């Protein structure tokens, strides 16, 4: 997997560098739970309200439990077995917020990509905890 810290120049503070480490750990944990088909574990990596810009449609999740009961079943029916990051690029970072361009593939059981997605994700420090606050795809 490719991780690019383009937004961090030589003058970045240690607090900003730590924010990036925490944000990357958060989205890695989110994807680990995604691959384990654990919706509650995924929700634990989100901040609420959670904002999703899906195309031109703004979706706001007020709380956990918003994935439909058939979410993983429907996804598996496409041949999906796991999701894998191809790239994580930091495009903006402060000590309390990190914007990332994430590229990931949804792969079949043999590891062959079924689809590749590029999204903008924003991870924030809120209430003393890092969580995924916004996604755009």
N, C-alpha and C. Protein backbone atom coordinates (compact mmCIF):
# COMPACT_ATOMS: atom_id res chain seq x y z
N UNK A 1 0.84 -1.17 0.00
CA UNK A 1 0.00 0.00 0.00
C UNK A 1 0.89 1.24 0.00
N UNK A 2 0.43 2.25 -0.67
CA UNK A 2 1.17 3.50 -0.82
C UNK A 2 0.59 4.54 0.14
N UNK A 3 1.42 5.08 1.02
CA UNK A 3 1.03 6.18 1.91
C UNK A 3 1.87 7.38 1.54
N UNK A 4 1.20 8.48 1.22
CA UNK A 4 1.91 9.70 0.85
C UNK A 4 1.52 10.80 1.81
N UNK A 5 2.51 11.45 2.35
CA UNK A 5 2.28 12.53 3.30
C UNK A 5 2.54 13.86 2.61
N UNK A 6 1.89 14.09 1.49
CA UNK A 6 2.13 15.28 0.68
C UNK A 6 1.86 16.56 1.44
N UNK A 7 0.91 16.55 2.36
CA UNK A 7 0.54 17.77 3.06
C UNK A 7 1.51 18.12 4.18
N UNK A 8 2.40 17.22 4.50
CA UNK A 8 3.33 17.46 5.61
C UNK A 8 4.69 17.88 5.07
N UNK A 9 5.02 19.11 5.27
CA UNK A 9 6.32 19.57 4.85
C UNK A 9 7.30 19.43 6.02
N UNK A 10 8.51 19.84 5.80
CA UNK A 10 9.54 19.72 6.83
C UNK A 10 9.19 20.49 8.09
N UNK A 11 8.35 21.52 7.97
CA UNK A 11 8.00 22.35 9.11
C UNK A 11 6.80 21.85 9.90
N UNK A 12 6.24 20.70 9.54
CA UNK A 12 5.07 20.19 10.26
C UNK A 12 5.43 19.92 11.71
N UNK A 13 4.52 20.28 12.61
CA UNK A 13 4.77 20.06 14.03
C UNK A 13 4.63 18.59 14.38
N UNK A 14 5.18 18.22 15.51
CA UNK A 14 5.03 16.84 15.97
C UNK A 14 3.56 16.54 16.24
N UNK A 15 2.79 17.53 16.70
CA UNK A 15 1.35 17.32 16.94
C UNK A 15 0.63 16.98 15.63
N UNK A 16 1.00 17.63 14.55
CA UNK A 16 0.38 17.33 13.26
C UNK A 16 0.81 15.96 12.77
N UNK A 17 2.07 15.62 12.94
CA UNK A 17 2.54 14.28 12.54
C UNK A 17 1.82 13.19 13.35
N UNK A 18 1.61 13.44 14.63
CA UNK A 18 0.88 12.48 15.47
C UNK A 18 -0.58 12.39 15.02
N UNK A 19 -1.17 13.51 14.63
CA UNK A 19 -2.54 13.50 14.12
C UNK A 19 -2.65 12.59 12.89
N UNK A 20 -1.69 12.69 12.01
CA UNK A 20 -1.69 11.84 10.81
C UNK A 20 -1.59 10.37 11.20
N UNK A 21 -0.70 10.05 12.14
CA UNK A 21 -0.58 8.66 12.58
C UNK A 21 -1.90 8.16 13.15
N UNK A 22 -2.56 8.99 13.96
CA UNK A 22 -3.83 8.59 14.57
C UNK A 22 -4.93 8.44 13.51
N UNK A 23 -4.97 9.35 12.55
CA UNK A 23 -5.98 9.28 11.49
C UNK A 23 -5.80 8.02 10.65
N UNK A 24 -4.56 7.71 10.30
CA UNK A 24 -4.30 6.49 9.53
C UNK A 24 -4.67 5.25 10.33
N UNK A 25 -4.38 5.25 11.63
CA UNK A 25 -4.75 4.12 12.47
C UNK A 25 -6.27 3.96 12.53
N UNK A 26 -6.98 5.08 12.56
CA UNK A 26 -8.44 5.06 12.60
C UNK A 26 -9.01 4.43 11.34
N UNK A 27 -8.55 4.88 10.16
CA UNK A 27 -9.14 4.32 8.94
C UNK A 27 -8.69 2.88 8.71
N UNK A 28 -7.49 2.53 9.19
CA UNK A 28 -7.07 1.13 9.12
C UNK A 28 -7.98 0.25 9.98
N UNK A 29 -8.32 0.74 11.18
CA UNK A 29 -9.22 -0.01 12.07
C UNK A 29 -10.62 -0.11 11.45
N UNK A 30 -11.08 0.96 10.83
CA UNK A 30 -12.38 0.94 10.15
C UNK A 30 -12.41 -0.16 9.08
N UNK A 31 -11.36 -0.21 8.26
CA UNK A 31 -11.32 -1.19 7.18
C UNK A 31 -11.12 -2.61 7.71
N UNK A 32 -10.39 -2.74 8.79
CA UNK A 32 -10.25 -4.07 9.41
C UNK A 32 -11.62 -4.58 9.84
N UNK A 33 -12.42 -3.73 10.46
CA UNK A 33 -13.77 -4.10 10.90
C UNK A 33 -14.69 -4.34 9.70
N UNK A 34 -14.50 -3.55 8.63
CA UNK A 34 -15.25 -3.74 7.40
C UNK A 34 -14.99 -5.13 6.85
N UNK A 35 -13.72 -5.50 6.76
CA UNK A 35 -13.37 -6.82 6.24
C UNK A 35 -13.84 -7.95 7.14
N UNK A 36 -13.99 -7.68 8.43
CA UNK A 36 -14.51 -8.68 9.36
C UNK A 36 -16.04 -8.72 9.35
N UNK A 37 -16.65 -7.86 8.52
CA UNK A 37 -18.11 -7.78 8.41
C UNK A 37 -18.75 -7.42 9.75
N UNK A 38 -18.11 -6.48 10.42
CA UNK A 38 -18.50 -6.06 11.77
C UNK A 38 -18.99 -4.61 11.73
N UNK A 39 -20.29 -4.43 11.50
CA UNK A 39 -20.86 -3.08 11.38
C UNK A 39 -20.71 -2.29 12.68
N UNK A 40 -20.89 -2.93 13.82
CA UNK A 40 -20.73 -2.23 15.10
C UNK A 40 -19.30 -1.76 15.27
N UNK A 41 -18.34 -2.59 14.90
CA UNK A 41 -16.94 -2.20 14.98
C UNK A 41 -16.61 -1.05 14.04
N UNK A 42 -17.24 -1.04 12.86
CA UNK A 42 -17.06 0.07 11.93
C UNK A 42 -17.62 1.35 12.55
N UNK A 43 -18.83 1.25 13.12
CA UNK A 43 -19.44 2.42 13.75
C UNK A 43 -18.57 2.99 14.86
N UNK A 44 -17.83 2.13 15.55
CA UNK A 44 -16.96 2.58 16.64
C UNK A 44 -15.82 3.47 16.14
N UNK A 45 -15.55 3.43 14.83
CA UNK A 45 -14.49 4.26 14.25
C UNK A 45 -15.04 5.55 13.64
N UNK A 46 -16.35 5.77 13.76
CA UNK A 46 -16.99 6.96 13.20
C UNK A 46 -17.30 7.98 14.28
N UNK A 47 -17.40 9.24 13.89
CA UNK A 47 -17.98 10.28 14.73
C UNK A 47 -19.37 10.57 14.19
N UNK A 48 -20.29 10.85 15.09
CA UNK A 48 -21.66 11.19 14.71
C UNK A 48 -21.98 12.60 15.18
N UNK A 49 -22.75 13.37 14.42
CA UNK A 49 -23.28 12.94 13.13
C UNK A 49 -22.14 12.66 12.14
N UNK A 50 -22.38 11.66 11.31
CA UNK A 50 -21.42 11.24 10.29
C UNK A 50 -21.98 11.69 8.95
N UNK A 51 -21.15 12.37 8.16
CA UNK A 51 -21.60 12.97 6.91
C UNK A 51 -21.00 12.21 5.72
N UNK A 52 -21.87 11.87 4.77
CA UNK A 52 -21.44 11.19 3.55
C UNK A 52 -21.98 11.99 2.37
N UNK A 53 -21.09 12.38 1.47
CA UNK A 53 -21.51 12.99 0.22
C UNK A 53 -21.36 11.92 -0.86
N UNK A 54 -22.50 11.30 -1.20
CA UNK A 54 -22.53 10.21 -2.19
C UNK A 54 -22.99 10.79 -3.52
N UNK A 55 -22.03 11.05 -4.40
CA UNK A 55 -22.37 11.76 -5.63
C UNK A 55 -22.79 13.17 -5.25
N UNK A 56 -24.01 13.53 -5.60
CA UNK A 56 -24.53 14.86 -5.25
C UNK A 56 -25.45 14.80 -4.04
N UNK A 57 -25.61 13.62 -3.46
CA UNK A 57 -26.55 13.43 -2.35
C UNK A 57 -25.83 13.50 -1.01
N UNK A 58 -26.31 14.39 -0.14
CA UNK A 58 -25.76 14.51 1.19
C UNK A 58 -26.55 13.60 2.13
N UNK A 59 -25.83 12.72 2.82
CA UNK A 59 -26.43 11.79 3.76
C UNK A 59 -25.84 12.07 5.13
N UNK A 60 -26.67 12.18 6.14
CA UNK A 60 -26.19 12.42 7.50
C UNK A 60 -26.71 11.29 8.38
N UNK A 61 -25.78 10.59 8.99
CA UNK A 61 -26.13 9.55 9.96
C UNK A 61 -26.06 10.18 11.34
N UNK A 62 -27.17 10.24 12.04
CA UNK A 62 -27.21 10.84 13.38
C UNK A 62 -26.59 9.94 14.44
N UNK A 63 -26.56 8.64 14.19
CA UNK A 63 -26.01 7.71 15.16
C UNK A 63 -25.65 6.40 14.50
N UNK A 64 -25.13 5.47 15.28
CA UNK A 64 -24.71 4.17 14.74
C UNK A 64 -25.89 3.34 14.27
N UNK A 65 -25.57 2.25 13.59
CA UNK A 65 -26.58 1.30 13.17
C UNK A 65 -27.25 1.64 11.85
N UNK A 66 -26.61 2.42 11.02
CA UNK A 66 -27.24 2.86 9.77
C UNK A 66 -26.98 1.95 8.58
N UNK A 67 -26.06 1.01 8.71
CA UNK A 67 -25.88 0.04 7.62
C UNK A 67 -27.08 -0.89 7.64
N UNK A 68 -27.63 -1.15 6.50
CA UNK A 68 -28.76 -2.06 6.44
C UNK A 68 -28.37 -3.47 6.86
N UNK A 69 -29.34 -4.23 7.32
CA UNK A 69 -29.05 -5.60 7.77
C UNK A 69 -28.48 -6.47 6.68
N UNK A 70 -28.79 -6.17 5.42
CA UNK A 70 -28.30 -6.99 4.32
C UNK A 70 -27.03 -6.41 3.68
N UNK A 71 -26.45 -5.38 4.29
CA UNK A 71 -25.30 -4.69 3.69
C UNK A 71 -24.19 -5.65 3.29
N UNK A 72 -23.70 -6.47 4.20
CA UNK A 72 -22.59 -7.36 3.89
C UNK A 72 -23.02 -8.51 3.00
N UNK A 73 -24.25 -8.98 3.16
CA UNK A 73 -24.76 -10.03 2.29
C UNK A 73 -24.81 -9.52 0.84
N UNK A 74 -25.35 -8.32 0.65
CA UNK A 74 -25.45 -7.74 -0.69
C UNK A 74 -24.07 -7.50 -1.29
N UNK A 75 -23.14 -7.03 -0.48
CA UNK A 75 -21.79 -6.80 -0.96
C UNK A 75 -21.11 -8.12 -1.33
N UNK A 76 -21.28 -9.14 -0.51
CA UNK A 76 -20.69 -10.44 -0.79
C UNK A 76 -21.26 -11.05 -2.07
N UNK A 77 -22.52 -10.76 -2.36
CA UNK A 77 -23.16 -11.29 -3.57
C UNK A 77 -22.49 -10.78 -4.85
N UNK A 78 -21.74 -9.69 -4.75
CA UNK A 78 -21.02 -9.15 -5.91
C UNK A 78 -19.70 -9.90 -6.14
N UNK A 79 -19.33 -10.78 -5.22
CA UNK A 79 -18.05 -11.47 -5.29
C UNK A 79 -17.03 -10.88 -4.34
N UNK A 80 -17.41 -9.79 -3.64
CA UNK A 80 -16.48 -9.14 -2.72
C UNK A 80 -16.09 -10.09 -1.59
N UNK A 81 -14.78 -10.08 -1.31
CA UNK A 81 -14.25 -10.86 -0.19
C UNK A 81 -13.57 -9.97 0.83
N UNK A 82 -12.83 -8.96 0.34
CA UNK A 82 -12.16 -8.03 1.25
C UNK A 82 -11.85 -6.72 0.52
N UNK A 83 -11.62 -5.69 1.33
CA UNK A 83 -11.24 -4.38 0.82
C UNK A 83 -9.78 -4.13 1.18
N UNK A 84 -9.04 -3.58 0.24
CA UNK A 84 -7.61 -3.36 0.43
C UNK A 84 -7.25 -1.94 -0.03
N UNK A 85 -6.49 -1.22 0.82
CA UNK A 85 -6.01 0.10 0.43
C UNK A 85 -4.95 -0.03 -0.65
N UNK A 86 -5.03 0.84 -1.61
CA UNK A 86 -4.01 0.96 -2.64
C UNK A 86 -3.20 2.23 -2.42
N UNK A 87 -3.85 3.22 -1.78
CA UNK A 87 -3.19 4.51 -1.54
C UNK A 87 -3.92 5.23 -0.41
N UNK A 88 -3.16 5.90 0.43
CA UNK A 88 -3.67 6.80 1.45
C UNK A 88 -2.81 8.06 1.36
N UNK A 89 -3.40 9.14 0.90
CA UNK A 89 -2.64 10.37 0.71
C UNK A 89 -3.20 11.47 1.61
N UNK A 90 -2.36 12.00 2.46
CA UNK A 90 -2.74 13.11 3.31
C UNK A 90 -2.71 14.37 2.45
N UNK A 91 -3.85 15.06 2.37
CA UNK A 91 -3.91 16.28 1.56
C UNK A 91 -3.98 17.54 2.41
N UNK A 92 -4.38 17.40 3.68
CA UNK A 92 -4.41 18.53 4.60
C UNK A 92 -4.38 17.96 6.01
N UNK A 93 -3.58 18.56 6.88
CA UNK A 93 -3.49 18.04 8.24
C UNK A 93 -3.26 19.16 9.24
N UNK A 94 -3.96 19.07 10.36
CA UNK A 94 -3.75 19.93 11.51
C UNK A 94 -3.69 18.98 12.72
N UNK A 95 -3.39 19.48 13.90
CA UNK A 95 -3.35 18.59 15.07
C UNK A 95 -4.70 17.96 15.43
N UNK A 96 -5.82 18.46 14.87
CA UNK A 96 -7.13 17.92 15.23
C UNK A 96 -7.96 17.44 14.04
N UNK A 97 -7.41 17.54 12.81
CA UNK A 97 -8.19 17.14 11.64
C UNK A 97 -7.25 16.75 10.51
N UNK A 98 -7.56 15.63 9.85
CA UNK A 98 -6.75 15.16 8.74
C UNK A 98 -7.66 14.81 7.57
N UNK A 99 -7.38 15.42 6.41
CA UNK A 99 -8.09 15.12 5.17
C UNK A 99 -7.24 14.13 4.38
N UNK A 100 -7.88 13.08 3.89
CA UNK A 100 -7.16 12.04 3.17
C UNK A 100 -7.83 11.72 1.85
N UNK A 101 -7.01 11.48 0.84
CA UNK A 101 -7.49 10.86 -0.38
C UNK A 101 -7.18 9.38 -0.22
N UNK A 102 -8.22 8.57 -0.19
CA UNK A 102 -8.02 7.13 -0.04
C UNK A 102 -8.45 6.44 -1.32
N UNK A 103 -7.63 5.53 -1.75
CA UNK A 103 -7.96 4.69 -2.90
C UNK A 103 -7.92 3.26 -2.41
N UNK A 104 -8.98 2.54 -2.66
CA UNK A 104 -9.05 1.16 -2.21
C UNK A 104 -9.72 0.31 -3.28
N UNK A 105 -9.44 -0.98 -3.21
CA UNK A 105 -10.11 -1.90 -4.12
C UNK A 105 -10.96 -2.85 -3.30
N UNK A 106 -12.03 -3.27 -3.92
CA UNK A 106 -12.86 -4.34 -3.37
C UNK A 106 -12.48 -5.57 -4.17
N UNK A 107 -11.91 -6.55 -3.47
CA UNK A 107 -11.30 -7.71 -4.11
C UNK A 107 -12.12 -8.97 -3.91
N UNK A 108 -11.98 -9.91 -4.85
CA UNK A 108 -12.61 -11.22 -4.69
C UNK A 108 -11.70 -12.10 -3.83
N UNK A 109 -12.10 -13.34 -3.61
CA UNK A 109 -11.36 -14.25 -2.72
C UNK A 109 -9.95 -14.53 -3.22
N UNK A 110 -9.71 -14.41 -4.53
CA UNK A 110 -8.37 -14.63 -5.08
C UNK A 110 -7.51 -13.37 -5.04
N UNK A 111 -8.08 -12.26 -4.54
CA UNK A 111 -7.33 -11.01 -4.47
C UNK A 111 -7.41 -10.18 -5.73
N UNK A 112 -8.27 -10.57 -6.66
CA UNK A 112 -8.44 -9.82 -7.90
C UNK A 112 -9.41 -8.66 -7.64
N UNK A 113 -9.02 -7.43 -7.98
CA UNK A 113 -9.90 -6.29 -7.75
C UNK A 113 -11.18 -6.39 -8.59
N UNK A 114 -12.31 -6.23 -7.92
CA UNK A 114 -13.60 -6.16 -8.60
C UNK A 114 -13.92 -4.71 -8.96
N UNK A 115 -13.46 -3.78 -8.12
CA UNK A 115 -13.67 -2.35 -8.35
C UNK A 115 -12.61 -1.57 -7.58
N UNK A 116 -12.35 -0.36 -8.04
CA UNK A 116 -11.40 0.53 -7.38
C UNK A 116 -12.13 1.84 -7.11
N UNK A 117 -11.97 2.36 -5.90
CA UNK A 117 -12.68 3.57 -5.47
C UNK A 117 -11.67 4.60 -4.97
N UNK A 118 -11.92 5.88 -5.29
CA UNK A 118 -11.13 6.99 -4.76
C UNK A 118 -12.10 7.90 -4.02
N UNK A 119 -11.84 8.12 -2.73
CA UNK A 119 -12.72 8.91 -1.88
C UNK A 119 -11.91 9.92 -1.09
N UNK A 120 -12.58 10.99 -0.69
CA UNK A 120 -12.01 11.93 0.27
C UNK A 120 -12.62 11.63 1.63
N UNK A 121 -11.79 11.43 2.62
CA UNK A 121 -12.24 11.14 3.97
C UNK A 121 -11.63 12.18 4.91
N UNK A 122 -12.40 12.55 5.93
CA UNK A 122 -11.92 13.49 6.94
C UNK A 122 -12.03 12.81 8.30
N UNK A 123 -10.90 12.76 8.99
CA UNK A 123 -10.82 12.15 10.32
C UNK A 123 -10.55 13.28 11.31
N UNK A 124 -11.32 13.29 12.41
CA UNK A 124 -11.20 14.38 13.38
C UNK A 124 -10.97 13.85 14.79
N UNK A 125 -10.36 14.70 15.59
CA UNK A 125 -10.23 14.45 17.02
C UNK A 125 -11.42 15.15 17.68
N UNK A 126 -12.29 14.37 18.30
CA UNK A 126 -13.52 14.91 18.89
C UNK A 126 -13.78 14.16 20.19
N UNK A 127 -13.94 14.89 21.26
CA UNK A 127 -14.17 14.23 22.54
C UNK A 127 -13.01 13.36 22.99
N UNK A 128 -11.80 13.73 22.59
CA UNK A 128 -10.61 12.97 22.98
C UNK A 128 -10.38 11.71 22.17
N UNK A 129 -11.14 11.51 21.10
CA UNK A 129 -11.04 10.29 20.30
C UNK A 129 -11.00 10.64 18.83
N UNK A 130 -10.13 9.93 18.08
CA UNK A 130 -10.07 10.09 16.63
C UNK A 130 -11.15 9.24 16.00
N UNK A 131 -11.87 9.82 15.02
CA UNK A 131 -12.91 9.09 14.31
C UNK A 131 -13.14 9.66 12.94
N UNK A 132 -13.65 8.84 12.08
CA UNK A 132 -13.97 9.23 10.71
C UNK A 132 -15.26 10.06 10.75
N UNK A 133 -15.17 11.32 10.34
CA UNK A 133 -16.29 12.27 10.45
C UNK A 133 -17.03 12.45 9.13
N UNK A 134 -16.30 12.50 8.03
CA UNK A 134 -16.92 12.75 6.73
C UNK A 134 -16.29 11.89 5.66
N UNK A 135 -17.14 11.47 4.72
CA UNK A 135 -16.65 10.74 3.55
C UNK A 135 -17.34 11.31 2.32
N UNK A 136 -16.60 11.36 1.22
CA UNK A 136 -17.15 11.83 -0.04
C UNK A 136 -16.73 10.85 -1.12
N UNK A 137 -17.72 10.40 -1.86
CA UNK A 137 -17.43 9.49 -2.99
C UNK A 137 -18.42 9.68 -4.10
